[in-house]
C-alpha atoms as a PDB file:
ATOM      1  CA  MET A   1     181.563 131.771 -63.595  1.00  0.00           C
ATOM      2  CA  LYS A   2     182.587 130.565 -60.007  1.00  0.00           C
ATOM      3  CA  GLU A   3     180.792 127.983 -58.221  1.00  0.00           C
ATOM      4  CA  THR A   4     181.390 127.020 -54.571  1.00  0.00           C
ATOM      5  CA  LEU A   5     179.676 123.905 -53.252  1.00  0.00           C
ATOM      6  CA  LEU A   6     177.939 124.478 -49.963  1.00  0.00           C
ATOM      7  CA  TYR A   7     176.465 121.053 -49.567  1.00  0.00           C
ATOM      8  CA  TYR A   8     176.416 117.636 -51.181  1.00  0.00           C
ATOM      9  CA  SER A   9     176.138 113.959 -49.754  1.00  0.00           C
ATOM     10  CA  SER A  10     175.494 110.735 -51.309  1.00  0.00           C
ATOM     11  CA  LEU A  11     172.986 109.888 -48.518  1.00  0.00           C
ATOM     12  CA  PHE A  12     170.980 113.034 -48.825  1.00  0.00           C
ATOM     13  CA  PRO A  13     169.734 113.871 -52.378  1.00  0.00           C
ATOM     14  CA  VAL A  14     170.320 117.375 -52.313  1.00  0.00           C
ATOM     15  CA  SER A  15     173.123 119.736 -53.862  1.00  0.00           C
ATOM     16  CA  VAL A  16     173.682 123.388 -52.913  1.00  0.00           C
ATOM     17  CA  ARG A  17     175.943 125.699 -54.693  1.00  0.00           C
ATOM     18  CA  ARG A  18     176.785 129.275 -54.732  1.00  0.00           C
ATOM     19  CA  VAL A  19     177.168 130.737 -58.039  1.00  0.00           C
ATOM     20  CA  SER A  20     178.987 134.029 -58.986  1.00  0.00           C
ATOM     21  CA  VAL A  21     178.809 135.390 -62.487  1.00  0.00           C
ATOM     22  CA  GLU A  22     180.379 138.633 -63.962  1.00  0.00           C
ATOM     23  CA  LYS A  23     178.285 141.135 -65.891  1.00  0.00           C
ATOM     24  CA  GLY A  24     177.369 140.285 -69.409  1.00  0.00           C
ATOM     25  CA  LYS A  25     178.318 136.545 -69.106  1.00  0.00           C
ATOM     26  CA  ARG A  26     176.046 133.790 -70.412  1.00  0.00           C
ATOM     27  CA  PRO A  27     177.145 130.794 -68.543  1.00  0.00           C
ATOM     28  CA  ALA A  28     175.889 127.286 -69.400  1.00  0.00           C
ATOM     29  CA  PHE A  29     172.605 126.801 -67.477  1.00  0.00           C
ATOM     30  CA  PRO A  30     171.451 123.397 -68.881  1.00  0.00           C
ATOM     31  CA  ALA A  31     168.305 121.699 -68.281  1.00  0.00           C
ATOM     32  CA  SER A  32     168.175 119.148 -65.345  1.00  0.00           C
ATOM     33  CA  ASP A  33     166.222 116.126 -64.431  1.00  0.00           C
ATOM     34  CA  GLU A  34     166.119 117.451 -60.931  1.00  0.00           C
ATOM     35  CA  LEU A  35     163.911 119.966 -59.274  1.00  0.00           C
ATOM     36  CA  THR A  36     165.835 123.315 -58.949  1.00  0.00           C
ATOM     37  CA  LEU A  37     165.469 126.460 -56.789  1.00  0.00           C
ATOM     38  CA  VAL A  38     167.282 129.779 -57.395  1.00  0.00           C
ATOM     39  CA  LEU A  39     167.709 132.480 -54.660  1.00  0.00           C
ATOM     40  CA  MET A  40     169.444 135.543 -55.589  1.00  0.00           C
ATOM     41  CA  GLU A  41     171.793 137.267 -53.453  1.00  0.00           C
ATOM     42  CA  GLU A  42     173.416 139.985 -55.168  1.00  0.00           C
ATOM     43  CA  GLY A  43     172.780 141.565 -58.524  1.00  0.00           C
ATOM     44  CA  ASP A  44     170.526 140.991 -61.433  1.00  0.00           C
ATOM     45  CA  VAL A  45     170.261 138.157 -63.834  1.00  0.00           C
ATOM     46  CA  THR A  46     167.667 137.138 -66.610  1.00  0.00           C
ATOM     47  CA  LEU A  47     166.533 133.706 -67.023  1.00  0.00           C
ATOM     48  CA  PHE A  48     165.347 132.588 -70.449  1.00  0.00           C
ATOM     49  CA  PHE A  49     162.784 130.106 -70.898  1.00  0.00           C
ATOM     50  CA  LYS A  50     161.423 128.450 -74.075  1.00  0.00           C
ATOM     51  CA  GLU A  51     158.722 131.140 -74.638  1.00  0.00           C
ATOM     52  CA  THR A  52     159.421 133.953 -72.106  1.00  0.00           C
ATOM     53  CA  ASN A  53     162.082 135.293 -69.990  1.00  0.00           C
ATOM     54  CA  VAL A  54     162.102 136.332 -66.163  1.00  0.00           C
ATOM     55  CA  PRO A  55     164.510 139.006 -64.672  1.00  0.00           C
ATOM     56  CA  LEU A  56     165.370 138.076 -61.270  1.00  0.00           C
ATOM     57  CA  VAL A  57     166.674 140.841 -58.735  1.00  0.00           C
ATOM     58  CA  MET A  58     167.716 140.370 -55.325  1.00  0.00           C
ATOM     59  CA  PRO A  59     166.028 138.940 -53.338  1.00  0.00           C
ATOM     60  CA  ALA A  60     163.861 137.252 -55.788  1.00  0.00           C
ATOM     61  CA  ALA A  61     163.488 133.331 -55.842  1.00  0.00           C
ATOM     62  CA  LEU A  62     162.284 130.929 -58.388  1.00  0.00           C
ATOM     63  CA  PHE A  63     161.153 127.438 -58.653  1.00  0.00           C
ATOM     64  CA  ILE A  64     162.301 125.783 -61.939  1.00  0.00           C
ATOM     65  CA  ASN A  65     160.712 122.375 -63.037  1.00  0.00           C
ATOM     66  CA  ARG A  66     162.861 119.300 -64.167  1.00  0.00           C
ATOM     67  CA  LEU A  67     163.875 119.377 -67.771  1.00  0.00           C
ATOM     68  CA  ALA A  68     162.723 122.918 -68.303  1.00  0.00           C
ATOM     69  CA  ASP A  69     164.929 124.737 -71.121  1.00  0.00           C
ATOM     70  CA  ARG A  70     166.548 127.770 -69.818  1.00  0.00           C
ATOM     71  CA  ARG A  71     169.451 130.043 -70.413  1.00  0.00           C
ATOM     72  CA  LEU A  72     171.105 132.814 -68.320  1.00  0.00           C
ATOM     73  CA  LEU A  73     172.342 136.210 -68.670  1.00  0.00           C
ATOM     74  CA  ALA A  74     174.105 138.130 -65.897  1.00  0.00           C
ATOM     75  CA  ASN A  75     172.937 142.000 -66.373  1.00  0.00           C
ATOM     76  CA  THR A  76     175.228 142.908 -63.418  1.00  0.00           C
ATOM     77  CA  ASP A  77     177.885 141.098 -61.377  1.00  0.00           C
ATOM     78  CA  ALA A  78     175.545 138.604 -59.652  1.00  0.00           C
ATOM     79  CA  THR A  79     175.524 135.790 -57.121  1.00  0.00           C
ATOM     80  CA  PHE A  80     172.793 133.363 -56.265  1.00  0.00           C
ATOM     81  CA  THR A  81     172.322 130.032 -54.743  1.00  0.00           C
ATOM     82  CA  LEU A  82     171.443 127.116 -56.706  1.00  0.00           C
ATOM     83  CA  ILE A  83     169.508 124.207 -55.002  1.00  0.00           C
ATOM     84  CA  ARG A  84     168.967 120.999 -56.896  1.00  0.00           C
ATOM     85  CA  LEU A  85     166.563 118.453 -55.122  1.00  0.00           C
ATOM     86  CA  GLY A  86     167.404 114.631 -56.255  1.00  0.00           C
ATOM     87  CA  LYS A  87     164.780 112.079 -57.222  1.00  0.00           C
ATOM     88  CA  GLY A  88     164.770 110.795 -53.623  1.00  0.00           C
ATOM     89  CA  PHE A  89     164.159 113.972 -51.974  1.00  0.00           C
ATOM     90  CA  PHE A  90     160.441 113.599 -51.530  1.00  0.00           C
ATOM     91  CA  THR A  91     160.295 110.241 -49.861  1.00  0.00           C
ATOM     92  CA  GLN A  92     156.691 110.094 -48.848  1.00  0.00           C
ATOM     93  CA  ASP A  93     154.391 108.492 -51.261  1.00  0.00           C
ATOM     94  CA  PHE A  94     151.424 110.555 -50.415  1.00  0.00           C
ATOM     95  CA  THR A  95     153.187 113.830 -50.511  1.00  0.00           C
ATOM     96  CA  LYS A  96     154.801 112.821 -54.100  1.00  0.00           C
ATOM     97  CA  ASP A  97     151.712 111.488 -55.772  1.00  0.00           C
ATOM     98  CA  LYS A  98     149.102 113.839 -54.400  1.00  0.00           C
ATOM     99  CA  PHE A  99     151.189 116.985 -54.821  1.00  0.00           C
ATOM    100  CA  ILE A 100     154.771 117.060 -56.114  1.00  0.00           C
ATOM    101  CA  ILE A 101     153.893 114.716 -59.266  1.00  0.00           C
ATOM    102  CA  PRO A 102     150.987 116.947 -60.266  1.00  0.00           C
ATOM    103  CA  LEU A 103     153.088 120.136 -59.915  1.00  0.00           C
ATOM    104  CA  VAL A 104     155.954 118.581 -61.900  1.00  0.00           C
ATOM    105  CA  HIS A 105     153.946 117.265 -64.755  1.00  0.00           C
ATOM    106  CA  GLY A 106     151.572 120.230 -64.826  1.00  0.00           C
ATOM    107  CA  GLY A 107     153.366 121.843 -67.782  1.00  0.00           C
ATOM    108  CA  VAL A 108     154.667 124.697 -65.637  1.00  0.00           C
ATOM    109  CA  GLU A 109     158.308 125.832 -66.434  1.00  0.00           C
ATOM    110  CA  PHE A 110     158.777 127.874 -63.530  1.00  0.00           C
ATOM    111  CA  LEU A 111     157.099 129.550 -60.592  1.00  0.00           C
ATOM    112  CA  THR A 112     158.001 132.645 -58.745  1.00  0.00           C
ATOM    113  CA  LEU A 113     158.369 131.982 -54.885  1.00  0.00           C
ATOM    114  CA  PRO A 114     156.122 134.268 -53.030  1.00  0.00           C
ATOM    115  CA  SER A 115     157.563 136.394 -50.125  1.00  0.00           C
ATOM    116  CA  ARG A 116     156.916 133.878 -47.529  1.00  0.00           C
ATOM    117  CA  ALA A 117     158.353 131.042 -49.585  1.00  0.00           C
ATOM    118  CA  ARG A 118     161.448 132.972 -50.249  1.00  0.00           C
ATOM    119  CA  ALA A 119     161.977 133.777 -46.616  1.00  0.00           C
ATOM    120  CA  ARG A 120     161.594 130.126 -45.718  1.00  0.00           C
ATOM    121  CA  LEU A 121     164.147 129.272 -48.374  1.00  0.00           C
ATOM    122  CA  GLU A 122     166.560 131.620 -46.798  1.00  0.00           C
ATOM    123  CA  GLU A 123     166.155 129.981 -43.565  1.00  0.00           C
ATOM    124  CA  SER A 124     166.559 126.519 -44.991  1.00  0.00           C
ATOM    125  CA  ILE A 125     169.870 127.716 -46.425  1.00  0.00           C
ATOM    126  CA  ASP A 126     171.065 129.299 -43.217  1.00  0.00           C
ATOM    127  CA  ALA A 127     170.393 125.903 -41.343  1.00  0.00           C
ATOM    128  CA  LEU A 128     172.352 124.067 -43.985  1.00  0.00           C
ATOM    129  CA  GLU A 129     175.358 126.439 -43.766  1.00  0.00           C
ATOM    130  CA  GLU A 130     175.374 126.332 -39.931  1.00  0.00           C
ATOM    131  CA  GLY A 131     175.717 122.654 -40.253  1.00  0.00           C
ATOM    132  CA  ARG A 132     174.399 121.898 -36.678  1.00  0.00           C
ATOM    133  CA  PHE A 133     173.096 118.575 -35.705  1.00  0.00           C
ATOM    134  CA  ALA A 134     169.906 117.585 -37.645  1.00  0.00           C
ATOM    135  CA  PHE A 135     170.353 120.337 -39.957  1.00  0.00           C
ATOM    136  CA  GLU A 136     169.079 118.026 -42.717  1.00  0.00           C
ATOM    137  CA  LEU A 137     165.857 117.693 -41.060  1.00  0.00           C
ATOM    138  CA  ALA A 138     165.618 121.604 -40.845  1.00  0.00           C
ATOM    139  CA  PHE A 139     166.441 121.827 -44.490  1.00  0.00           C
ATOM    140  CA  GLU A 140     164.019 119.215 -45.548  1.00  0.00           C
ATOM    141  CA  ALA A 141     161.200 120.932 -43.296  1.00  0.00           C
ATOM    142  CA  GLY A 142     161.725 124.256 -45.128  1.00  0.00           C
ATOM    143  CA  ILE A 143     161.865 122.664 -48.468  1.00  0.00           C
ATOM    144  CA  LEU A 144     158.571 120.953 -47.860  1.00  0.00           C
ATOM    145  CA  ASP A 145     157.044 124.393 -46.542  1.00  0.00           C
ATOM    146  CA  ILE A 146     158.004 125.964 -49.851  1.00  0.00           C
ATOM    147  CA  PHE A 147     156.457 123.205 -52.020  1.00  0.00           C
ATOM    148  CA  ALA A 148     153.363 123.247 -49.594  1.00  0.00           C
ATOM    149  CA  MET A 149     152.947 127.065 -50.375  1.00  0.00           C
ATOM    150  CA  LEU A 150     153.446 126.639 -54.228  1.00  0.00           C
ATOM    151  CA  CYS A 151     150.928 123.523 -54.255  1.00  0.00           C
ATOM    152  CA  TYR A 152     148.446 125.614 -52.349  1.00  0.00           C
ATOM    153  CA  GLU A 153     148.639 128.662 -54.616  1.00  0.00           C
ATOM    154  CA  GLN A 154     148.576 126.470 -57.814  1.00  0.00           C
ATOM    155  CA  ALA A 155     145.567 124.161 -56.270  1.00  0.00           C
ATOM    156  CA  GLU A 156     143.246 125.225 -59.020  1.00  0.00           C
ATOM    157  CA  ARG A 157     145.820 124.065 -61.784  1.00  0.00           C
ATOM    158  CA  ILE A 158     146.931 120.705 -59.799  1.00  0.00           C
ATOM    159  CA  GLY A 159     144.254 119.654 -57.593  1.00  0.00           C
ATOM    160  CA  HIS A 160     140.780 120.343 -59.078  1.00  0.00           C
ATOM    161  CA  GLY A 161     140.569 118.627 -62.442  1.00  0.00           C
ATOM    162  CA  GLY A 162     143.407 120.467 -64.515  1.00  0.00           C
ATOM    163  CA  PRO A 163     144.170 124.051 -65.363  1.00  0.00           C
ATOM    164  CA  VAL A 164     141.630 126.778 -65.142  1.00  0.00           C
ATOM    165  CA  GLN A 165     143.842 129.607 -66.354  1.00  0.00           C
ATOM    166  CA  ASP A 166     145.499 129.959 -69.857  1.00  0.00           C
ATOM    167  CA  VAL A 167     149.236 129.116 -69.695  1.00  0.00           C
ATOM    168  CA  ARG A 168     149.921 132.342 -71.402  1.00  0.00           C
ATOM    169  CA  LEU A 169     148.181 134.304 -68.555  1.00  0.00           C
ATOM    170  CA  THR A 170     149.866 132.232 -65.820  1.00  0.00           C
ATOM    171  CA  ARG A 171     153.386 133.385 -67.640  1.00  0.00           C
ATOM    172  CA  MET A 172     152.186 137.012 -67.606  1.00  0.00           C
ATOM    173  CA  LEU A 173     150.888 136.739 -63.876  1.00  0.00           C
ATOM    174  CA  ASP A 174     154.332 135.015 -62.796  1.00  0.00           C
ATOM    175  CA  PHE A 175     156.336 137.948 -64.453  1.00  0.00           C
ATOM    176  CA  MET A 176     154.166 140.467 -62.790  1.00  0.00           C
ATOM    177  CA  GLU A 177     154.794 138.946 -59.378  1.00  0.00           C
ATOM    178  CA  ALA A 178     158.755 138.858 -59.963  1.00  0.00           C
ATOM    179  CA  ASN A 179     158.629 142.523 -60.885  1.00  0.00           C
ATOM    180  CA  LYS A 180     156.385 144.396 -58.630  1.00  0.00           C
ATOM    181  CA  GLU A 181     159.207 146.866 -57.853  1.00  0.00           C
ATOM    182  CA  ARG A 182     159.299 148.059 -61.498  1.00  0.00           C
ATOM    183  CA  ARG A 183     156.959 150.072 -63.607  1.00  0.00           C
ATOM    184  CA  LEU A 184     156.164 147.315 -66.479  1.00  0.00           C
ATOM    185  CA  SER A 185     154.780 148.410 -69.865  1.00  0.00           C
ATOM    186  CA  LEU A 186     152.005 146.358 -71.544  1.00  0.00           C
ATOM    187  CA  GLU A 187     154.567 145.351 -74.128  1.00  0.00           C
ATOM    188  CA  GLU A 188     156.750 143.746 -71.485  1.00  0.00           C
ATOM    189  CA  ILE A 189     153.905 142.030 -69.866  1.00  0.00           C
ATOM    190  CA  ALA A 190     152.663 140.766 -73.190  1.00  0.00           C
ATOM    191  CA  LYS A 191     156.086 139.460 -74.328  1.00  0.00           C
ATOM    192  CA  ALA A 192     156.100 137.532 -71.116  1.00  0.00           C
ATOM    193  CA  GLY A 193     153.171 135.597 -72.126  1.00  0.00           C
ATOM    194  CA  PHE A 194     154.489 135.315 -75.722  1.00  0.00           C
ATOM    195  CA  VAL A 195     151.504 137.033 -77.115  1.00  0.00           C
ATOM    196  CA  SER A 196     150.508 140.388 -78.704  1.00  0.00           C
ATOM    197  CA  GLN A 197     149.657 143.378 -76.569  1.00  0.00           C
ATOM    198  CA  ARG A 198     145.876 143.007 -77.797  1.00  0.00           C
ATOM    199  CA  GLU A 199     145.895 139.155 -77.140  1.00  0.00           C
ATOM    200  CA  ALA A 200     147.141 140.051 -73.708  1.00  0.00           C
ATOM    201  CA  SER A 201     144.412 142.712 -73.081  1.00  0.00           C
ATOM    202  CA  ARG A 202     141.914 140.041 -74.082  1.00  0.00           C
ATOM    203  CA  LEU A 203     143.150 137.342 -71.983  1.00  0.00           C
ATOM    204  CA  PHE A 204     142.949 139.573 -68.720  1.00  0.00           C
ATOM    205  CA  GLU A 205     139.531 140.857 -69.600  1.00  0.00           C
ATOM    206  CA  ARG A 206     138.073 137.351 -70.355  1.00  0.00           C
ATOM    207  CA  LEU A 207     139.732 135.545 -67.315  1.00  0.00           C
ATOM    208  CA  LEU A 208     140.315 138.240 -64.764  1.00  0.00           C
ATOM    209  CA  SER A 209     137.726 140.966 -65.833  1.00  0.00           C
ATOM    210  CA  SER A 210     140.378 143.506 -65.890  1.00  0.00           C
ATOM    211  CA  SER A 211     143.183 145.064 -67.746  1.00  0.00           C
ATOM    212  CA  PRO A 212     146.929 143.842 -67.524  1.00  0.00           C
ATOM    213  CA  MET A 213     148.004 147.372 -66.318  1.00  0.00           C
ATOM    214  CA  LYS A 214     145.107 147.487 -63.689  1.00  0.00           C
ATOM    215  CA  HIS A 215     145.940 143.947 -62.483  1.00  0.00           C
ATOM    216  CA  PHE A 216     149.419 144.975 -62.124  1.00  0.00           C
ATOM    217  CA  LEU A 217     148.788 148.100 -60.201  1.00  0.00           C
ATOM    218  CA  SER A 218     146.517 146.091 -57.862  1.00  0.00           C
ATOM    219  CA  MET A 219     149.314 143.618 -57.246  1.00  0.00           C
ATOM    220  CA  ARG A 220     151.738 146.232 -56.529  1.00  0.00           C
ATOM    221  CA  LEU A 221     149.275 147.954 -54.044  1.00  0.00           C
ATOM    222  CA  ALA A 222     148.660 144.794 -52.401  1.00  0.00           C
ATOM    223  CA  GLU A 223     152.352 144.246 -51.761  1.00  0.00           C
ATOM    224  CA  ALA A 224     152.662 147.882 -50.575  1.00  0.00           C
ATOM    225  CA  ALA A 225     149.777 147.198 -47.916  1.00  0.00           C
ATOM    226  CA  ARG A 226     151.584 143.941 -46.927  1.00  0.00           C
ATOM    227  CA  LEU A 227     154.914 145.816 -46.290  1.00  0.00           C
ATOM    228  CA  LEU A 228     152.787 148.646 -44.564  1.00  0.00           C
ATOM    229  CA  GLU A 229     151.493 146.198 -42.018  1.00  0.00           C
ATOM    230  CA  SER A 230     154.590 143.908 -41.711  1.00  0.00           C
ATOM    231  CA  SER A 231     157.518 146.337 -41.744  1.00  0.00           C
ATOM    232  CA  ASP A 232     158.526 149.781 -40.166  1.00  0.00           C
ATOM    233  CA  GLU A 233     160.060 150.915 -43.478  1.00  0.00           C
ATOM    234  CA  PRO A 234     159.312 154.648 -44.370  1.00  0.00           C
ATOM    235  CA  VAL A 235     156.273 155.088 -46.716  1.00  0.00           C
ATOM    236  CA  ALA A 236     158.515 156.683 -49.176  1.00  0.00           C
ATOM    237  CA  ARG A 237     160.807 153.673 -49.434  1.00  0.00           C
ATOM    238  CA  ILE A 238     157.812 151.340 -49.825  1.00  0.00           C
ATOM    239  CA  ALA A 239     156.402 153.503 -52.667  1.00  0.00           C
ATOM    240  CA  GLU A 240     159.947 152.985 -54.388  1.00  0.00           C
ATOM    241  CA  LYS A 241     160.017 149.319 -53.792  1.00  0.00           C
ATOM    242  CA  THR A 242     156.603 149.038 -55.371  1.00  0.00           C
ATOM    243  CA  GLY A 243     157.349 150.745 -58.571  1.00  0.00           C
ATOM    244  CA  PHE A 244     155.907 154.236 -58.020  1.00  0.00           C
ATOM    245  CA  GLU A 245     157.790 157.240 -59.507  1.00  0.00           C
ATOM    246  CA  SER A 246     156.753 159.370 -56.583  1.00  0.00           C
ATOM    247  CA  LEU A 247     155.028 159.378 -52.945  1.00  0.00           C
ATOM    248  CA  SER A 248     152.425 161.656 -54.272  1.00  0.00           C
ATOM    249  CA  HIS A 249     151.478 159.230 -56.980  1.00  0.00           C
ATOM    250  CA  PHE A 250     151.779 156.330 -54.672  1.00  0.00           C
ATOM    251  CA  SER A 251     149.523 158.000 -52.014  1.00  0.00           C
ATOM    252  CA  THR A 252     146.971 159.017 -54.682  1.00  0.00           C
ATOM    253  CA  CYS A 253     146.806 155.357 -56.224  1.00  0.00           C
ATOM    254  CA  PHE A 254     146.702 153.706 -52.570  1.00  0.00           C
ATOM    255  CA  ARG A 255     143.897 155.945 -51.339  1.00  0.00           C
ATOM    256  CA  LYS A 256     141.706 155.267 -54.397  1.00  0.00           C
ATOM    257  CA  SER A 257     142.121 151.608 -53.759  1.00  0.00           C
ATOM    258  CA  TYR A 258     141.923 151.152 -49.887  1.00  0.00           C
ATOM    259  CA  SER A 259     139.964 154.477 -49.208  1.00  0.00           C
ATOM    260  CA  MET A 260     142.673 155.892 -46.746  1.00  0.00           C
ATOM    261  CA  SER A 261     146.158 157.138 -47.041  1.00  0.00           C
ATOM    262  CA  PRO A 262     149.187 154.764 -46.514  1.00  0.00           C
ATOM    263  CA  THR A 263     149.875 156.468 -43.253  1.00  0.00           C
ATOM    264  CA  ALA A 264     146.456 155.767 -42.129  1.00  0.00           C
ATOM    265  CA  TYR A 265     146.532 152.321 -43.194  1.00  0.00           C
ATOM    266  CA  ARG A 266     149.711 151.632 -41.193  1.00  0.00           C
ATOM    267  CA  ALA A 267     148.365 153.609 -38.075  1.00  0.00           C
ATOM    268  CA  ARG A 268     145.376 150.828 -38.160  1.00  0.00           C
ATOM    269  CA  ARG A 269     148.054 148.336 -37.199  1.00  0.00           C
ATOM    270  CA  GLY A 270     148.857 150.145 -34.113  1.00  0.00           C
ATOM    271  CA  ARG A 271     145.254 150.477 -33.182  1.00  0.00           C
ATOM    272  CA  GLN A 272     144.810 146.854 -33.711  1.00  0.00           C
ATOM    273  CA  GLY A 273     147.783 145.712 -31.762  1.00  0.00           C
ATOM    274  CA  GLY A 274     149.769 144.619 -34.671  1.00  0.00           C
ATOM    275  CA  CYS A 275     147.439 141.531 -35.381  1.00  0.00           C
ATOM    276  CA  HIS A 276     145.369 141.147 -38.534  1.00  0.00           C
END
């Protein structure tokens, strides 16, 4: 494993490293008392936590809670940026007490960063690497934005009297979020929650009134709809990026869910001036 130190200062409690790992290697990735963010840049790794594992394929990004047990396997030659936030990073008592501390102590081992948060993390690292005056402020603002997104998404868990979802379901949903470009099986989803396939189906039915596979299909279609609205990528490429084996299968599923073809859905953006 090769590490390049991108940033460290005794005055600013952040360390940023770029890590390169060869295929098949299992480098030491010990638990830390610092909050960690991982941004994949190249390749494919798997992070193993206490009860589940998370494949990370570029451009995935992950928040890892302090002291969470984890191991790493490089499935291909891989490069990722590793950001560790020291205890003094969140200096505002209000921010720490109301948001960060409940998130850290809420029993979450990891959270997959949504696409907006991942993009913000990339911007923050770019600001740091440019090294222009006040880049620390730009970096700090970006990290605060990311944690605002995470806390907003986890509001039911950390801000309204405790968890409303079974932690096993949360792990499965996080795993789905990280793998929307794949065609996951029920077995893979259940393993992510550390439950049997039958129990996985029961959890989804009881808490989401759906099945694991139907819910995962809805997540992939929602991601496809977002890409159709926000990008100019070919429809076939979007189908591939959201795990569909063929354009025709994608179009059929999309039409059933959105009552129009992917092409018609994208054309709507033009009629509305690109704003939603």
